[in-house]
């Protein structure tokens, strides 16, 4: 019986930590922005002498992506964890991120491309 109480207490502490550290929408948006920026840089395939143009494109794509994510990213908070979805009225929503214990896990570049192409 004593082991059961200790186990129950440990689970309560873990659940409390999960609730306190559950990522919010901003954390999901930042994690998705990292994947999008990697994808944009890979697709643009800049030459070494185009550093100024590359920097300008990164700033523009980052700003545009933030605006779009504010409108189509929905984060559902389930107290212990949270999930991020890209939503579209025509196609519904696709899960693109999962957050727990203060960290957000996202889909990879290929999966993000598939999710955005279907929206």
C-alpha atoms as a PDB file:
ATOM      1  CA  UNK A   1       0.000   0.000   0.000  1.00  0.00           C
ATOM      2  CA  UNK A   2       2.876   2.348   0.796  1.00  0.00           C
ATOM      3  CA  UNK A   3       4.407   1.799  -2.676  1.00  0.00           C
ATOM      4  CA  UNK A   4       1.065   2.646  -4.268  1.00  0.00           C
ATOM      5  CA  UNK A   5       0.861   5.953  -2.386  1.00  0.00           C
ATOM      6  CA  UNK A   6       4.439   6.834  -3.347  1.00  0.00           C
ATOM      7  CA  UNK A   7       3.684   5.990  -6.985  1.00  0.00           C
ATOM      8  CA  UNK A   8       0.494   8.074  -6.881  1.00  0.00           C
ATOM      9  CA  UNK A   9       2.397  10.990  -5.348  1.00  0.00           C
ATOM     10  CA  UNK A  10       5.132  10.743  -8.005  1.00  0.00           C
ATOM     11  CA  UNK A  11       2.521  10.712 -10.788  1.00  0.00           C
ATOM     12  CA  UNK A  12       0.849  13.774  -9.263  1.00  0.00           C
ATOM     13  CA  UNK A  13       4.180  15.633  -9.221  1.00  0.00           C
ATOM     14  CA  UNK A  14       4.898  14.688 -12.854  1.00  0.00           C
ATOM     15  CA  UNK A  15       1.394  15.764 -13.901  1.00  0.00           C
ATOM     16  CA  UNK A  16       1.818  19.063 -12.049  1.00  0.00           C
ATOM     17  CA  UNK A  17       5.098  19.738 -13.833  1.00  0.00           C
ATOM     18  CA  UNK A  18       3.455  18.917 -17.175  1.00  0.00           C
ATOM     19  CA  UNK A  19       0.619  21.357 -16.463  1.00  0.00           C
ATOM     20  CA  UNK A  20       2.985  24.160 -15.455  1.00  0.00           C
ATOM     21  CA  UNK A  21       5.326  23.677 -18.432  1.00  0.00           C
ATOM     22  CA  UNK A  22       2.674  23.098 -21.111  1.00  0.00           C
ATOM     23  CA  UNK A  23       3.743  25.161 -24.176  1.00  0.00           C
ATOM     24  CA  UNK A  24       1.532  28.011 -25.334  1.00  0.00           C
ATOM     25  CA  UNK A  25       0.731  29.142 -28.899  1.00  0.00           C
ATOM     26  CA  UNK A  26       3.871  31.303 -29.166  1.00  0.00           C
ATOM     27  CA  UNK A  27       6.116  28.293 -28.511  1.00  0.00           C
ATOM     28  CA  UNK A  28       4.326  26.301 -31.225  1.00  0.00           C
ATOM     29  CA  UNK A  29       4.584  29.226 -33.636  1.00  0.00           C
ATOM     30  CA  UNK A  30       8.333  29.642 -32.970  1.00  0.00           C
ATOM     31  CA  UNK A  31       8.996  25.923 -33.489  1.00  0.00           C
ATOM     32  CA  UNK A  32       7.062  25.882 -36.762  1.00  0.00           C
ATOM     33  CA  UNK A  33       8.860  29.048 -37.923  1.00  0.00           C
ATOM     34  CA  UNK A  34      12.197  27.279 -37.510  1.00  0.00           C
ATOM     35  CA  UNK A  35      11.056  24.453 -39.774  1.00  0.00           C
ATOM     36  CA  UNK A  36       9.589  26.892 -42.318  1.00  0.00           C
ATOM     37  CA  UNK A  37      12.794  28.966 -42.393  1.00  0.00           C
ATOM     38  CA  UNK A  38      14.884  25.824 -42.959  1.00  0.00           C
ATOM     39  CA  UNK A  39      12.545  24.799 -45.770  1.00  0.00           C
ATOM     40  CA  UNK A  40      12.610  28.250 -47.413  1.00  0.00           C
ATOM     41  CA  UNK A  41      16.404  28.413 -47.250  1.00  0.00           C
ATOM     42  CA  UNK A  42      16.700  24.927 -48.735  1.00  0.00           C
ATOM     43  CA  UNK A  43      14.233  25.641 -51.542  1.00  0.00           C
ATOM     44  CA  UNK A  44      15.748  29.021 -52.380  1.00  0.00           C
ATOM     45  CA  UNK A  45      19.206  27.440 -52.752  1.00  0.00           C
ATOM     46  CA  UNK A  46      21.077  30.731 -52.551  1.00  0.00           C
ATOM     47  CA  UNK A  47      24.558  31.171 -54.011  1.00  0.00           C
ATOM     48  CA  UNK A  48      27.397  32.165 -51.644  1.00  0.00           C
ATOM     49  CA  UNK A  49      27.645  35.706 -53.071  1.00  0.00           C
ATOM     50  CA  UNK A  50      23.951  36.493 -52.487  1.00  0.00           C
ATOM     51  CA  UNK A  51      24.174  37.000 -48.701  1.00  0.00           C
ATOM     52  CA  UNK A  52      22.339  40.354 -48.748  1.00  0.00           C
ATOM     53  CA  UNK A  53      19.513  38.980 -50.858  1.00  0.00           C
ATOM     54  CA  UNK A  54      19.341  35.878 -48.662  1.00  0.00           C
ATOM     55  CA  UNK A  55      19.053  38.017 -45.513  1.00  0.00           C
ATOM     56  CA  UNK A  56      16.286  40.103 -47.107  1.00  0.00           C
ATOM     57  CA  UNK A  57      14.373  36.985 -48.158  1.00  0.00           C
ATOM     58  CA  UNK A  58      14.702  35.509 -44.655  1.00  0.00           C
ATOM     59  CA  UNK A  59      13.271  38.671 -43.073  1.00  0.00           C
ATOM     60  CA  UNK A  60      10.406  38.839 -45.563  1.00  0.00           C
ATOM     61  CA  UNK A  61       9.549  35.153 -45.348  1.00  0.00           C
ATOM     62  CA  UNK A  62       9.723  35.248 -41.548  1.00  0.00           C
ATOM     63  CA  UNK A  63       7.323  38.215 -41.391  1.00  0.00           C
ATOM     64  CA  UNK A  64       4.896  36.733 -43.881  1.00  0.00           C
ATOM     65  CA  UNK A  65       5.013  33.344 -42.169  1.00  0.00           C
ATOM     66  CA  UNK A  66       4.239  34.918 -38.787  1.00  0.00           C
ATOM     67  CA  UNK A  67       1.207  36.689 -40.252  1.00  0.00           C
ATOM     68  CA  UNK A  68      -0.068  33.502 -41.845  1.00  0.00           C
ATOM     69  CA  UNK A  69       0.547  31.400 -38.724  1.00  0.00           C
ATOM     70  CA  UNK A  70      -1.381  33.896 -36.584  1.00  0.00           C
ATOM     71  CA  UNK A  71      -4.406  33.219 -38.774  1.00  0.00           C
ATOM     72  CA  UNK A  72      -4.228  29.484 -39.468  1.00  0.00           C
ATOM     73  CA  UNK A  73      -2.452  28.019 -36.416  1.00  0.00           C
ATOM     74  CA  UNK A  74      -4.781  26.682 -33.751  1.00  0.00           C
ATOM     75  CA  UNK A  75      -3.282  25.387 -30.524  1.00  0.00           C
ATOM     76  CA  UNK A  76      -5.380  23.119 -28.344  1.00  0.00           C
ATOM     77  CA  UNK A  77      -4.234  23.057 -24.724  1.00  0.00           C
ATOM     78  CA  UNK A  78      -5.045  19.755 -23.009  1.00  0.00           C
ATOM     79  CA  UNK A  79      -3.502  20.830 -19.647  1.00  0.00           C
ATOM     80  CA  UNK A  80      -0.791  18.131 -19.709  1.00  0.00           C
ATOM     81  CA  UNK A  81       0.136  18.688 -23.359  1.00  0.00           C
ATOM     82  CA  UNK A  82      -0.803  20.883 -26.289  1.00  0.00           C
ATOM     83  CA  UNK A  83      -1.254  20.281 -30.011  1.00  0.00           C
ATOM     84  CA  UNK A  84      -0.862  22.696 -32.907  1.00  0.00           C
ATOM     85  CA  UNK A  85      -3.010  22.440 -36.030  1.00  0.00           C
ATOM     86  CA  UNK A  86      -2.943  24.275 -39.346  1.00  0.00           C
ATOM     87  CA  UNK A  87      -6.580  24.910 -40.184  1.00  0.00           C
ATOM     88  CA  UNK A  88      -8.414  25.551 -43.425  1.00  0.00           C
ATOM     89  CA  UNK A  89     -12.164  25.917 -43.975  1.00  0.00           C
ATOM     90  CA  UNK A  90     -12.041  23.634 -47.015  1.00  0.00           C
ATOM     91  CA  UNK A  91      -9.762  20.849 -45.795  1.00  0.00           C
ATOM     92  CA  UNK A  92     -10.180  20.934 -42.024  1.00  0.00           C
ATOM     93  CA  UNK A  93      -7.034  20.833 -39.937  1.00  0.00           C
ATOM     94  CA  UNK A  94      -3.722  18.996 -39.906  1.00  0.00           C
ATOM     95  CA  UNK A  95      -1.631  18.464 -36.768  1.00  0.00           C
ATOM     96  CA  UNK A  96       1.832  19.960 -37.167  1.00  0.00           C
ATOM     97  CA  UNK A  97       3.129  20.200 -33.595  1.00  0.00           C
ATOM     98  CA  UNK A  98       2.938  18.559 -30.188  1.00  0.00           C
ATOM     99  CA  UNK A  99       4.096  20.228 -26.979  1.00  0.00           C
ATOM    100  CA  UNK A 100       4.865  18.734 -23.577  1.00  0.00           C
ATOM    101  CA  UNK A 101       7.180  19.618 -20.667  1.00  0.00           C
ATOM    102  CA  UNK A 102       8.078  22.990 -22.211  1.00  0.00           C
ATOM    103  CA  UNK A 103       9.216  21.560 -25.557  1.00  0.00           C
ATOM    104  CA  UNK A 104       7.428  21.584 -28.907  1.00  0.00           C
ATOM    105  CA  UNK A 105       7.950  18.753 -31.380  1.00  0.00           C
ATOM    106  CA  UNK A 106       7.114  19.590 -34.987  1.00  0.00           C
ATOM    107  CA  UNK A 107       6.737  17.744 -38.224  1.00  0.00           C
ATOM    108  CA  UNK A 108       9.743  17.675 -40.528  1.00  0.00           C
ATOM    109  CA  UNK A 109      10.131  19.839 -43.649  1.00  0.00           C
ATOM    110  CA  UNK A 110       8.621  17.246 -45.983  1.00  0.00           C
ATOM    111  CA  UNK A 111       5.555  16.699 -43.791  1.00  0.00           C
ATOM    112  CA  UNK A 112       5.081  20.447 -43.350  1.00  0.00           C
ATOM    113  CA  UNK A 113       5.183  20.902 -47.133  1.00  0.00           C
ATOM    114  CA  UNK A 114       2.526  18.198 -47.553  1.00  0.00           C
ATOM    115  CA  UNK A 115       0.361  19.766 -44.839  1.00  0.00           C
ATOM    116  CA  UNK A 116       0.551  23.255 -46.370  1.00  0.00           C
ATOM    117  CA  UNK A 117       0.002  22.010 -49.922  1.00  0.00           C
ATOM    118  CA  UNK A 118      -3.248  20.340 -48.905  1.00  0.00           C
ATOM    119  CA  UNK A 119      -4.569  23.497 -47.193  1.00  0.00           C
END
